[in-house]
N, C-alpha and C. Protein backbone atom coordinates (compact mmCIF):
# COMPACT_ATOMS: atom_id res chain seq x y z
N UNK A 1 -13.90 -0.97 -10.31
CA UNK A 1 -12.46 -1.03 -10.11
C UNK A 1 -12.11 -0.11 -8.94
N UNK A 2 -12.00 -0.68 -7.75
CA UNK A 2 -11.67 0.12 -6.57
C UNK A 2 -10.22 0.57 -6.57
N UNK A 3 -9.40 -0.01 -7.45
CA UNK A 3 -8.01 0.41 -7.55
C UNK A 3 -7.88 1.89 -7.90
N UNK A 4 -8.76 2.40 -8.75
CA UNK A 4 -8.68 3.81 -9.15
C UNK A 4 -8.91 4.73 -7.96
N UNK A 5 -9.89 4.44 -7.13
CA UNK A 5 -10.11 5.29 -5.96
C UNK A 5 -8.96 5.19 -4.97
N UNK A 6 -8.37 4.01 -4.82
CA UNK A 6 -7.20 3.86 -3.96
C UNK A 6 -6.02 4.67 -4.50
N UNK A 7 -5.80 4.61 -5.81
CA UNK A 7 -4.70 5.35 -6.43
C UNK A 7 -4.92 6.85 -6.32
N UNK A 8 -6.14 7.31 -6.49
CA UNK A 8 -6.41 8.75 -6.36
C UNK A 8 -6.07 9.25 -4.96
N UNK A 9 -6.43 8.48 -3.95
CA UNK A 9 -6.09 8.86 -2.58
C UNK A 9 -4.57 8.79 -2.36
N UNK A 10 -3.94 7.78 -2.90
CA UNK A 10 -2.48 7.64 -2.82
C UNK A 10 -1.79 8.85 -3.44
N UNK A 11 -2.23 9.27 -4.61
CA UNK A 11 -1.62 10.41 -5.29
C UNK A 11 -1.88 11.72 -4.53
N UNK A 12 -3.03 11.84 -3.89
CA UNK A 12 -3.30 13.02 -3.07
C UNK A 12 -2.32 13.08 -1.90
N UNK A 13 -2.08 11.95 -1.28
CA UNK A 13 -1.12 11.89 -0.17
C UNK A 13 0.28 12.21 -0.66
N UNK A 14 0.66 11.66 -1.80
CA UNK A 14 1.99 11.93 -2.37
C UNK A 14 2.16 13.42 -2.64
N UNK A 15 1.14 14.05 -3.22
CA UNK A 15 1.21 15.49 -3.48
C UNK A 15 1.37 16.28 -2.18
N UNK A 16 0.62 15.89 -1.15
CA UNK A 16 0.72 16.56 0.15
C UNK A 16 2.12 16.42 0.75
N UNK A 17 2.66 15.20 0.71
CA UNK A 17 4.00 14.96 1.26
C UNK A 17 5.05 15.72 0.45
N UNK A 18 4.91 15.70 -0.88
CA UNK A 18 5.87 16.41 -1.73
C UNK A 18 5.88 17.90 -1.42
N UNK A 19 4.71 18.47 -1.21
CA UNK A 19 4.64 19.90 -0.88
C UNK A 19 5.25 20.17 0.50
N UNK A 20 4.86 19.37 1.47
CA UNK A 20 5.35 19.56 2.85
C UNK A 20 6.86 19.37 2.95
N UNK A 21 7.39 18.37 2.23
CA UNK A 21 8.82 18.05 2.30
C UNK A 21 9.64 18.74 1.21
N UNK A 22 8.96 19.58 0.42
CA UNK A 22 9.61 20.32 -0.66
C UNK A 22 10.32 19.40 -1.65
N UNK A 23 9.61 18.36 -2.08
CA UNK A 23 10.16 17.41 -3.03
C UNK A 23 9.72 17.77 -4.44
N UNK A 24 10.60 17.50 -5.36
CA UNK A 24 10.26 17.64 -6.78
C UNK A 24 10.85 16.44 -7.51
N UNK A 25 10.46 16.24 -8.70
CA UNK A 25 10.97 15.14 -9.51
C UNK A 25 10.95 13.81 -8.75
N UNK A 26 9.78 13.42 -8.26
CA UNK A 26 9.65 12.12 -7.61
C UNK A 26 9.85 11.05 -8.67
N UNK A 27 10.82 10.19 -8.43
CA UNK A 27 11.17 9.19 -9.44
C UNK A 27 10.69 7.79 -9.08
N UNK A 28 10.43 7.55 -7.80
CA UNK A 28 10.00 6.22 -7.38
C UNK A 28 9.05 6.32 -6.18
N UNK A 29 8.00 5.53 -6.25
CA UNK A 29 7.04 5.42 -5.15
C UNK A 29 6.95 3.94 -4.81
N UNK A 30 7.25 3.61 -3.55
CA UNK A 30 7.14 2.22 -3.10
C UNK A 30 5.97 2.13 -2.14
N UNK A 31 5.10 1.17 -2.40
CA UNK A 31 3.88 1.03 -1.63
C UNK A 31 3.74 -0.42 -1.15
N UNK A 32 3.49 -0.59 0.15
CA UNK A 32 3.18 -1.91 0.70
C UNK A 32 1.67 -2.06 0.69
N UNK A 33 1.20 -3.11 0.03
CA UNK A 33 -0.23 -3.34 -0.13
C UNK A 33 -0.61 -4.64 0.58
N UNK A 34 -1.48 -4.53 1.56
CA UNK A 34 -1.96 -5.72 2.25
C UNK A 34 -2.83 -6.57 1.34
N UNK A 35 -2.60 -7.87 1.37
CA UNK A 35 -3.38 -8.78 0.53
C UNK A 35 -4.87 -8.72 0.87
N UNK A 36 -5.18 -8.30 2.08
CA UNK A 36 -6.57 -8.17 2.49
C UNK A 36 -7.32 -7.07 1.76
N UNK A 37 -6.60 -6.16 1.11
CA UNK A 37 -7.23 -5.08 0.33
C UNK A 37 -7.72 -5.56 -1.01
N UNK A 38 -7.33 -6.78 -1.39
CA UNK A 38 -7.75 -7.41 -2.65
C UNK A 38 -7.46 -6.53 -3.86
N UNK A 39 -6.26 -5.96 -3.86
CA UNK A 39 -5.82 -5.12 -4.98
C UNK A 39 -5.27 -6.02 -6.08
N UNK A 40 -5.69 -5.75 -7.30
CA UNK A 40 -5.16 -6.47 -8.46
C UNK A 40 -3.95 -5.68 -8.97
N UNK A 41 -2.80 -6.31 -8.95
CA UNK A 41 -1.53 -5.67 -9.30
C UNK A 41 -1.62 -4.88 -10.61
N UNK A 42 -2.04 -5.54 -11.67
CA UNK A 42 -2.06 -4.90 -12.99
C UNK A 42 -3.03 -3.71 -13.03
N UNK A 43 -4.18 -3.85 -12.39
CA UNK A 43 -5.15 -2.76 -12.38
C UNK A 43 -4.65 -1.57 -11.57
N UNK A 44 -3.97 -1.84 -10.45
CA UNK A 44 -3.42 -0.77 -9.63
C UNK A 44 -2.34 -0.01 -10.41
N UNK A 45 -1.46 -0.75 -11.09
CA UNK A 45 -0.41 -0.11 -11.88
C UNK A 45 -1.00 0.71 -13.04
N UNK A 46 -2.01 0.15 -13.68
CA UNK A 46 -2.67 0.85 -14.79
C UNK A 46 -3.30 2.14 -14.28
N UNK A 47 -4.00 2.06 -13.16
CA UNK A 47 -4.64 3.25 -12.58
C UNK A 47 -3.59 4.29 -12.20
N UNK A 48 -2.50 3.85 -11.59
CA UNK A 48 -1.42 4.77 -11.20
C UNK A 48 -0.84 5.47 -12.42
N UNK A 49 -0.51 4.70 -13.44
CA UNK A 49 0.10 5.27 -14.65
C UNK A 49 -0.82 6.26 -15.36
N UNK A 50 -2.12 6.02 -15.27
CA UNK A 50 -3.07 6.91 -15.95
C UNK A 50 -3.49 8.11 -15.12
N UNK A 51 -3.33 8.05 -13.81
CA UNK A 51 -3.77 9.14 -12.95
C UNK A 51 -2.64 10.05 -12.49
N UNK A 52 -1.39 9.64 -12.67
CA UNK A 52 -0.26 10.38 -12.09
C UNK A 52 0.14 11.62 -12.89
N UNK A 53 -0.36 11.81 -14.08
CA UNK A 53 0.12 12.84 -15.00
C UNK A 53 0.14 14.26 -14.45
N UNK A 54 -0.81 14.60 -13.62
CA UNK A 54 -0.94 16.00 -13.18
C UNK A 54 -0.23 16.30 -11.86
N UNK A 55 0.30 15.30 -11.18
CA UNK A 55 0.81 15.53 -9.83
C UNK A 55 2.31 15.40 -9.69
N UNK A 56 2.73 15.39 -8.44
CA UNK A 56 4.15 15.32 -8.11
C UNK A 56 4.79 14.00 -8.54
N UNK A 57 3.98 12.96 -8.71
CA UNK A 57 4.50 11.64 -9.08
C UNK A 57 4.42 11.38 -10.58
N UNK A 58 4.27 12.44 -11.37
CA UNK A 58 4.03 12.27 -12.81
C UNK A 58 5.10 11.46 -13.54
N UNK A 59 6.35 11.48 -13.05
CA UNK A 59 7.43 10.72 -13.70
C UNK A 59 7.86 9.51 -12.87
N UNK A 60 7.10 9.19 -11.84
CA UNK A 60 7.51 8.14 -10.90
C UNK A 60 7.22 6.73 -11.41
N UNK A 61 8.08 5.84 -11.00
CA UNK A 61 7.89 4.41 -11.20
C UNK A 61 7.25 3.88 -9.92
N UNK A 62 6.26 3.02 -10.06
CA UNK A 62 5.57 2.46 -8.92
C UNK A 62 6.14 1.08 -8.61
N UNK A 63 6.51 0.88 -7.34
CA UNK A 63 6.92 -0.44 -6.88
C UNK A 63 5.92 -0.90 -5.84
N UNK A 64 5.37 -2.09 -6.03
CA UNK A 64 4.41 -2.65 -5.10
C UNK A 64 5.02 -3.82 -4.35
N UNK A 65 4.80 -3.83 -3.05
CA UNK A 65 5.21 -4.94 -2.20
C UNK A 65 3.95 -5.47 -1.53
N UNK A 66 3.60 -6.71 -1.79
CA UNK A 66 2.38 -7.27 -1.23
C UNK A 66 2.68 -7.91 0.13
N UNK A 67 1.84 -7.54 1.12
CA UNK A 67 2.01 -7.98 2.50
C UNK A 67 0.94 -9.04 2.79
N UNK A 68 1.36 -10.22 3.25
CA UNK A 68 0.38 -11.27 3.52
C UNK A 68 -0.53 -10.93 4.70
N UNK A 69 -1.69 -11.56 4.72
CA UNK A 69 -2.61 -11.40 5.84
C UNK A 69 -2.12 -12.29 6.98
N UNK A 70 -1.94 -11.69 8.15
CA UNK A 70 -1.51 -12.42 9.34
C UNK A 70 -2.56 -12.19 10.42
N UNK A 71 -2.92 -13.27 11.10
CA UNK A 71 -3.92 -13.20 12.16
C UNK A 71 -3.36 -13.80 13.45
N UNK A 72 -4.00 -13.45 14.56
CA UNK A 72 -3.67 -13.99 15.87
C UNK A 72 -4.93 -14.65 16.43
N UNK A 73 -4.76 -15.84 16.98
CA UNK A 73 -5.86 -16.58 17.56
C UNK A 73 -6.17 -16.03 18.95
N UNK A 74 -7.44 -15.71 19.20
CA UNK A 74 -7.85 -15.21 20.51
C UNK A 74 -7.88 -16.32 21.57
N UNK A 75 -7.94 -17.56 21.13
CA UNK A 75 -8.01 -18.68 22.07
C UNK A 75 -6.63 -19.12 22.56
N UNK A 76 -5.71 -19.38 21.62
CA UNK A 76 -4.40 -19.92 22.00
C UNK A 76 -3.25 -18.94 21.83
N UNK A 77 -3.52 -17.80 21.18
CA UNK A 77 -2.48 -16.80 20.97
C UNK A 77 -1.58 -17.07 19.79
N UNK A 78 -1.86 -18.13 19.05
CA UNK A 78 -1.04 -18.47 17.88
C UNK A 78 -1.14 -17.40 16.80
N UNK A 79 -0.04 -17.19 16.13
CA UNK A 79 0.04 -16.22 15.04
C UNK A 79 0.23 -17.02 13.75
N UNK A 80 -0.56 -16.70 12.72
CA UNK A 80 -0.50 -17.49 11.49
C UNK A 80 -0.85 -16.66 10.27
N UNK A 81 -0.38 -17.12 9.14
CA UNK A 81 -0.68 -16.49 7.86
C UNK A 81 -2.01 -17.02 7.36
N UNK A 82 -2.89 -16.12 6.97
CA UNK A 82 -4.19 -16.49 6.43
C UNK A 82 -4.00 -16.82 4.96
N UNK A 83 -4.40 -18.03 4.60
CA UNK A 83 -4.29 -18.45 3.20
C UNK A 83 -5.63 -19.00 2.74
N UNK A 84 -5.97 -18.69 1.50
CA UNK A 84 -7.22 -19.14 0.88
C UNK A 84 -8.44 -18.81 1.74
N UNK A 85 -8.41 -17.63 2.35
CA UNK A 85 -9.52 -17.10 3.16
C UNK A 85 -9.86 -17.98 4.36
N UNK A 86 -8.88 -18.72 4.87
CA UNK A 86 -9.10 -19.54 6.06
C UNK A 86 -8.60 -18.77 7.27
N UNK A 87 -9.55 -18.26 8.03
CA UNK A 87 -9.23 -17.42 9.18
C UNK A 87 -9.24 -18.18 10.50
N UNK A 88 -9.61 -19.46 10.49
CA UNK A 88 -9.58 -20.22 11.73
C UNK A 88 -8.14 -20.61 12.04
N UNK A 89 -7.85 -20.76 13.32
CA UNK A 89 -6.49 -21.04 13.78
C UNK A 89 -6.04 -22.44 13.36
N UNK A 90 -4.90 -22.55 12.67
CA UNK A 90 -4.43 -23.88 12.27
C UNK A 90 -3.89 -24.70 13.45
N UNK A 91 -3.59 -24.06 14.59
CA UNK A 91 -3.06 -24.78 15.75
C UNK A 91 -4.16 -25.42 16.58
N UNK A 92 -5.22 -24.62 16.90
CA UNK A 92 -6.25 -25.14 17.80
C UNK A 92 -7.63 -25.25 17.15
N UNK A 93 -7.77 -24.70 15.95
CA UNK A 93 -9.04 -24.78 15.23
C UNK A 93 -10.07 -23.72 15.59
N UNK A 94 -9.73 -22.83 16.53
CA UNK A 94 -10.67 -21.79 16.94
C UNK A 94 -10.95 -20.81 15.80
N UNK A 95 -12.18 -20.31 15.77
CA UNK A 95 -12.56 -19.34 14.75
C UNK A 95 -12.47 -17.90 15.22
N UNK A 96 -12.17 -17.71 16.48
CA UNK A 96 -12.05 -16.36 17.05
C UNK A 96 -10.64 -15.84 16.82
N UNK A 97 -10.44 -15.17 15.70
CA UNK A 97 -9.11 -14.66 15.36
C UNK A 97 -9.20 -13.19 15.01
N UNK A 98 -8.05 -12.53 15.05
CA UNK A 98 -7.99 -11.10 14.72
C UNK A 98 -6.87 -10.87 13.72
N UNK A 99 -7.19 -10.20 12.64
CA UNK A 99 -6.19 -9.86 11.63
C UNK A 99 -5.29 -8.74 12.18
N UNK A 100 -3.97 -8.95 12.12
CA UNK A 100 -3.03 -7.96 12.65
C UNK A 100 -2.12 -7.37 11.57
N UNK A 101 -2.08 -7.99 10.41
CA UNK A 101 -1.28 -7.47 9.29
C UNK A 101 -1.98 -7.81 7.99
N UNK A 102 -1.70 -7.00 6.97
CA UNK A 102 -2.17 -7.32 5.63
C UNK A 102 -3.45 -6.66 5.20
N UNK A 103 -3.89 -5.63 5.94
CA UNK A 103 -5.11 -4.93 5.54
C UNK A 103 -4.86 -3.48 5.14
N UNK A 104 -3.62 -3.03 5.20
CA UNK A 104 -3.31 -1.63 4.96
C UNK A 104 -2.65 -1.40 3.60
N UNK A 105 -2.67 -0.15 3.19
CA UNK A 105 -1.87 0.31 2.06
C UNK A 105 -1.02 1.45 2.60
N UNK A 106 0.30 1.29 2.50
CA UNK A 106 1.22 2.23 3.12
C UNK A 106 2.30 2.63 2.12
N UNK A 107 2.52 3.93 1.99
CA UNK A 107 3.66 4.41 1.21
C UNK A 107 4.89 4.20 2.07
N UNK A 108 5.79 3.35 1.63
CA UNK A 108 6.98 3.07 2.42
C UNK A 108 8.18 3.88 1.99
N UNK A 109 8.14 4.40 0.74
CA UNK A 109 9.27 5.20 0.28
C UNK A 109 8.86 6.09 -0.89
N UNK A 110 9.32 7.33 -0.82
CA UNK A 110 9.21 8.27 -1.94
C UNK A 110 10.63 8.69 -2.28
N UNK A 111 11.01 8.52 -3.50
CA UNK A 111 12.35 8.89 -3.93
C UNK A 111 12.25 10.08 -4.87
N UNK A 112 12.98 11.13 -4.54
CA UNK A 112 12.95 12.33 -5.36
C UNK A 112 14.00 13.31 -4.90
N UNK A 113 13.96 14.49 -5.45
CA UNK A 113 14.93 15.53 -5.08
C UNK A 113 14.20 16.64 -4.36
N UNK A 114 14.93 17.26 -3.43
CA UNK A 114 14.38 18.43 -2.71
C UNK A 114 14.48 19.65 -3.60
N UNK A 115 13.48 20.52 -3.48
CA UNK A 115 13.49 21.76 -4.22
C UNK A 115 14.64 22.63 -3.70
N UNK A 116 15.29 23.28 -4.62
CA UNK A 116 16.37 24.21 -4.27
C UNK A 116 15.76 25.56 -3.96
N UNK A 117 16.17 26.19 -2.86
CA UNK A 117 15.62 27.50 -2.48
C UNK A 117 15.99 28.60 -3.47
N UNK A 118 16.99 28.36 -4.34
CA UNK A 118 17.43 29.36 -5.30
C UNK A 118 16.43 29.56 -6.44
N UNK A 119 15.50 28.60 -6.62
CA UNK A 119 14.58 28.68 -7.78
C UNK A 119 13.22 29.09 -7.37
């Protein structure tokens, strides 16, 4: 289950950002997940819910936004969505393509409160 290692790295980044930005009580974490990462939604959520207990995101709700795989054809320049693992260009049939979207995992939003300097 590679979701657990992805979640552990995600939580490490969240803790780092929370410390740097002086955030506490993170209530929501929104993550854009590229379909090329082959993340299983339920497994990712399960891993997040089970690993978040000790960190800044311990009370956070996880929102996932899945980003489709998009490629560009090196032959004709066409841009297309990759579906069913078909990476050849639907316009010209060329197999020389480059994936330009859908392979990353990005935290797009952290919702929480800033620490008060009085405490």
